[in-house]
């Protein structure tokens, strides 16, 4: 099975092509450029380097949110364009589930955290059971203290990863009562290879959609929408 995967949901832009259990190519950039500048050139580069025929794809997997509103829209538009042009189905992979899949088969709880600003994180809580990712708490946007409270109640060791770690590391160290660790650099950010690998699992489970059907999952209102709601509330 051949899957092209895209993830521009956070500060990282990443593209990968996976064939069955073989990672053919992965291009990841974590730098100060907009995803509109990087995503398509990255895709073009790995296609050229591998001489890959996109028409032979079985599906396009995309990190479907939550995350950066702009980043999600860029990734969604790119995936939808490819799906329409190639007549291929899309596999929407929840962003934090793909992040958790970086730590395949790790013991204990896995807790991806993405900085959602204003003291909040996009997160979820997972574990691996019988080599499959199992949801303990689904994707949510919550204050970091609320997440720590949930983890303290679960009373299990936990591994954190994601761009929220450097932002909230000190808070976690001060308030989490359970044993914890932070994932190392090579697996602590978004990776399109993980989106593709988990996407294959979801494809086999029938969790696919057409390019026209795909809509990112934002979990909360954008800043512009919040400001408009506040203005209308005062009116």
Protein backbone atom coordinates (compact mmCIF):
# COMPACT_ATOMS: atom_id res chain seq x y z
CA UNK A 1 0.00 0.00 0.00
CA UNK A 2 1.30 3.45 -0.95
CA UNK A 3 0.43 6.47 1.17
CA UNK A 4 1.51 10.09 0.88
CA UNK A 5 1.29 11.89 4.21
CA UNK A 6 1.25 15.60 5.06
CA UNK A 7 1.36 17.43 8.37
CA UNK A 8 1.46 21.21 8.71
CA UNK A 9 -0.67 21.40 11.85
CA UNK A 10 2.06 22.88 14.07
CA UNK A 11 5.42 24.59 13.85
CA UNK A 12 6.80 21.65 11.86
CA UNK A 13 6.10 21.00 8.18
CA UNK A 14 6.57 17.38 7.17
CA UNK A 15 5.88 15.20 4.13
CA UNK A 16 6.44 11.46 3.69
CA UNK A 17 5.82 8.60 1.29
CA UNK A 18 5.37 5.16 2.82
CA UNK A 19 4.97 1.91 0.90
CA UNK A 20 3.69 -0.89 3.12
CA UNK A 21 6.22 -0.97 6.00
CA UNK A 22 8.91 0.85 4.04
CA UNK A 23 9.53 4.59 4.47
CA UNK A 24 10.59 5.72 1.00
CA UNK A 25 11.16 9.37 1.88
CA UNK A 26 10.46 11.92 4.59
CA UNK A 27 11.16 15.65 4.53
CA UNK A 28 10.72 17.61 7.75
CA UNK A 29 11.43 21.27 8.43
CA UNK A 30 11.22 22.99 11.80
CA UNK A 31 12.27 26.51 10.95
CA UNK A 32 10.96 30.06 10.62
CA UNK A 33 9.17 29.72 7.31
CA UNK A 34 5.48 29.56 6.58
CA UNK A 35 4.06 26.23 5.51
CA UNK A 36 2.81 27.83 2.31
CA UNK A 37 6.49 28.33 1.42
CA UNK A 38 7.64 24.85 2.35
CA UNK A 39 4.99 22.16 1.95
CA UNK A 40 4.67 21.90 -1.83
CA UNK A 41 8.42 22.34 -2.51
CA UNK A 42 9.10 19.57 0.02
CA UNK A 43 6.60 17.30 -1.69
CA UNK A 44 8.09 18.09 -5.09
CA UNK A 45 11.59 17.32 -3.80
CA UNK A 46 10.82 13.88 -2.40
CA UNK A 47 8.86 12.95 -5.53
CA UNK A 48 11.86 13.90 -7.68
CA UNK A 49 14.39 12.18 -5.44
CA UNK A 50 12.45 8.91 -5.35
CA UNK A 51 11.12 9.16 -8.93
CA UNK A 52 7.74 8.40 -7.41
CA UNK A 53 4.60 8.38 -9.56
CA UNK A 54 1.85 10.02 -7.51
CA UNK A 55 -0.76 8.29 -9.66
CA UNK A 56 0.25 4.99 -8.02
CA UNK A 57 -0.81 6.21 -4.57
CA UNK A 58 -3.59 4.44 -2.73
CA UNK A 59 -4.45 7.41 -0.52
CA UNK A 60 -3.35 10.74 0.91
CA UNK A 61 -3.12 10.94 4.71
CA UNK A 62 -3.30 14.35 6.33
CA UNK A 63 -3.00 15.59 9.90
CA UNK A 64 -6.58 16.73 10.36
CA UNK A 65 -6.31 18.85 13.49
CA UNK A 66 -6.23 20.30 15.99
CA UNK A 67 -3.37 22.72 15.57
CA UNK A 68 -2.50 26.03 13.97
CA UNK A 69 -5.53 27.34 12.06
CA UNK A 70 -3.39 28.59 9.18
CA UNK A 71 -1.26 25.46 9.12
CA UNK A 72 -4.27 23.17 9.12
CA UNK A 73 -5.85 25.08 6.25
CA UNK A 74 -2.66 24.85 4.19
CA UNK A 75 -2.35 21.11 4.82
CA UNK A 76 -6.03 20.53 4.17
CA UNK A 77 -6.01 22.52 0.93
CA UNK A 78 -2.91 20.66 -0.28
CA UNK A 79 -4.38 17.25 0.55
CA UNK A 80 -7.73 18.11 -1.01
CA UNK A 81 -6.03 19.36 -4.17
CA UNK A 82 -4.00 16.16 -4.47
CA UNK A 83 -7.03 14.00 -3.75
CA UNK A 84 -9.08 15.73 -6.42
CA UNK A 85 -6.30 15.82 -9.02
CA UNK A 86 -5.31 12.19 -8.51
CA UNK A 87 -8.80 10.88 -7.70
CA UNK A 88 -7.56 9.36 -4.44
CA UNK A 89 -9.27 9.10 -1.04
CA UNK A 90 -8.09 11.08 1.98
CA UNK A 91 -7.29 9.59 5.37
CA UNK A 92 -7.88 12.21 8.09
CA UNK A 93 -5.52 11.43 10.98
CA UNK A 94 -6.11 13.37 14.21
CA UNK A 95 -2.99 15.43 14.89
CA UNK A 96 -2.30 14.36 18.46
CA UNK A 97 -2.98 10.70 17.65
CA UNK A 98 -0.29 10.86 14.98
CA UNK A 99 2.05 12.51 17.47
CA UNK A 100 1.39 9.74 19.99
CA UNK A 101 2.16 7.16 17.29
CA UNK A 102 5.74 8.45 17.22
CA UNK A 103 6.20 6.49 20.45
CA UNK A 104 4.85 3.20 19.11
CA UNK A 105 4.47 0.49 21.76
CA UNK A 106 5.97 2.56 24.57
CA UNK A 107 4.78 1.51 28.04
CA UNK A 108 2.59 3.73 30.21
CA UNK A 109 0.59 6.72 29.04
CA UNK A 110 1.50 8.87 26.05
CA UNK A 111 0.52 12.53 26.22
CA UNK A 112 1.15 14.75 23.19
CA UNK A 113 0.89 18.46 23.96
CA UNK A 114 0.77 21.26 21.41
CA UNK A 115 0.95 24.87 22.49
CA UNK A 116 -2.54 26.32 21.91
CA UNK A 117 -1.57 29.68 23.43
CA UNK A 118 -3.28 31.46 26.34
CA UNK A 119 -2.05 28.75 28.75
CA UNK A 120 -3.86 25.99 26.87
CA UNK A 121 -2.73 22.86 25.08
CA UNK A 122 -4.14 20.69 22.33
CA UNK A 123 -3.77 17.24 23.77
CA UNK A 124 -5.07 13.73 24.23
CA UNK A 125 -4.03 10.78 26.38
CA UNK A 126 -3.20 7.39 24.87
CA UNK A 127 -1.62 4.02 25.54
CA UNK A 128 -0.59 1.10 23.39
CA UNK A 129 -2.35 -2.22 23.87
CA UNK A 130 -1.69 -5.27 21.71
CA UNK A 131 0.35 -3.06 19.36
CA UNK A 132 -2.54 -0.67 18.72
CA UNK A 133 -3.04 2.92 19.83
CA UNK A 134 -5.82 3.13 22.40
CA UNK A 135 -7.53 6.36 23.41
CA UNK A 136 -7.69 7.08 27.14
CA UNK A 137 -8.84 10.70 26.72
CA UNK A 138 -9.74 12.05 23.27
CA UNK A 139 -8.45 15.20 21.62
CA UNK A 140 -9.18 18.33 23.61
CA UNK A 141 -8.13 21.94 24.08
CA UNK A 142 -7.65 22.55 27.82
CA UNK A 143 -5.56 24.60 30.25
CA UNK A 144 -2.31 22.83 31.14
CA UNK A 145 -3.36 22.65 34.81
CA UNK A 146 -6.53 20.77 33.84
CA UNK A 147 -4.50 18.25 31.87
CA UNK A 148 -2.12 17.75 34.79
CA UNK A 149 -5.10 17.18 37.07
CA UNK A 150 -6.41 14.43 34.76
CA UNK A 151 -2.99 12.76 34.64
CA UNK A 152 -2.62 12.89 38.42
CA UNK A 153 -5.99 11.15 38.77
CA UNK A 154 -4.99 8.42 36.30
CA UNK A 155 -1.96 7.60 38.48
CA UNK A 156 0.24 6.11 35.74
CA UNK A 157 3.67 6.98 34.34
CA UNK A 158 3.44 9.27 31.32
CA UNK A 159 5.66 10.33 28.42
CA UNK A 160 5.17 13.81 26.95
CA UNK A 161 6.01 15.02 23.47
CA UNK A 162 5.09 17.90 21.16
CA UNK A 163 5.87 21.58 20.77
CA UNK A 164 4.12 22.31 24.06
CA UNK A 165 6.85 20.56 26.05
CA UNK A 166 9.36 23.46 26.12
CA UNK A 167 6.53 25.88 26.90
CA UNK A 168 5.06 23.92 29.81
CA UNK A 169 8.01 21.81 30.99
CA UNK A 170 8.46 23.73 34.25
CA UNK A 171 4.74 23.58 35.05
CA UNK A 172 4.71 19.81 34.47
CA UNK A 173 7.80 19.33 36.62
CA UNK A 174 6.28 21.38 39.43
CA UNK A 175 2.72 20.01 39.45
CA UNK A 176 2.65 16.46 38.06
CA UNK A 177 2.80 13.88 40.85
CA UNK A 178 3.23 10.80 38.64
CA UNK A 179 6.53 9.58 37.14
CA UNK A 180 7.07 11.22 33.76
CA UNK A 181 9.56 11.67 30.96
CA UNK A 182 9.97 13.73 27.80
CA UNK A 183 10.47 12.14 24.38
CA UNK A 184 13.89 12.67 22.71
CA UNK A 185 14.43 15.05 19.80
CA UNK A 186 14.01 12.57 16.93
CA UNK A 187 10.41 11.70 17.93
CA UNK A 188 9.15 14.71 19.87
CA UNK A 189 7.58 16.67 16.99
CA UNK A 190 5.21 15.93 14.12
CA UNK A 191 6.45 13.34 11.62
CA UNK A 192 4.62 12.61 8.39
CA UNK A 193 5.88 9.01 8.55
CA UNK A 194 3.77 8.52 11.69
CA UNK A 195 0.77 10.11 9.94
CA UNK A 196 1.24 7.63 7.08
CA UNK A 197 1.72 4.60 9.34
CA UNK A 198 -1.34 5.37 11.44
CA UNK A 199 -3.17 6.38 8.27
CA UNK A 200 -2.69 2.86 6.89
CA UNK A 201 -4.29 1.43 10.04
CA UNK A 202 -7.25 3.78 9.67
CA UNK A 203 -7.53 3.05 5.93
CA UNK A 204 -7.91 -0.65 6.68
CA UNK A 205 -10.53 0.25 9.31
CA UNK A 206 -12.49 2.14 6.64
CA UNK A 207 -11.80 5.59 8.07
CA UNK A 208 -11.45 7.40 4.75
CA UNK A 209 -13.26 10.24 3.03
CA UNK A 210 -13.34 11.99 -0.31
CA UNK A 211 -11.36 15.16 -0.91
CA UNK A 212 -14.62 17.12 -1.04
CA UNK A 213 -15.71 15.80 2.36
CA UNK A 214 -12.55 16.69 4.24
CA UNK A 215 -12.75 19.49 6.83
CA UNK A 216 -10.06 20.11 9.48
CA UNK A 217 -10.97 19.67 13.15
CA UNK A 218 -10.08 22.91 14.92
CA UNK A 219 -11.52 22.07 18.40
CA UNK A 220 -11.98 25.75 19.22
CA UNK A 221 -12.79 29.06 17.57
CA UNK A 222 -10.07 31.08 15.85
CA UNK A 223 -8.93 34.34 17.41
CA UNK A 224 -10.90 36.33 14.82
CA UNK A 225 -14.04 34.31 15.59
CA UNK A 226 -13.57 34.76 19.34
CA UNK A 227 -13.13 38.52 18.94
CA UNK A 228 -16.23 38.76 16.76
CA UNK A 229 -18.24 36.77 19.29
CA UNK A 230 -17.05 39.10 22.07
CA UNK A 231 -18.06 42.17 20.05
CA UNK A 232 -21.48 40.73 19.27
CA UNK A 233 -21.93 39.77 22.91
CA UNK A 234 -21.36 43.36 23.97
CA UNK A 235 -23.69 44.75 21.34
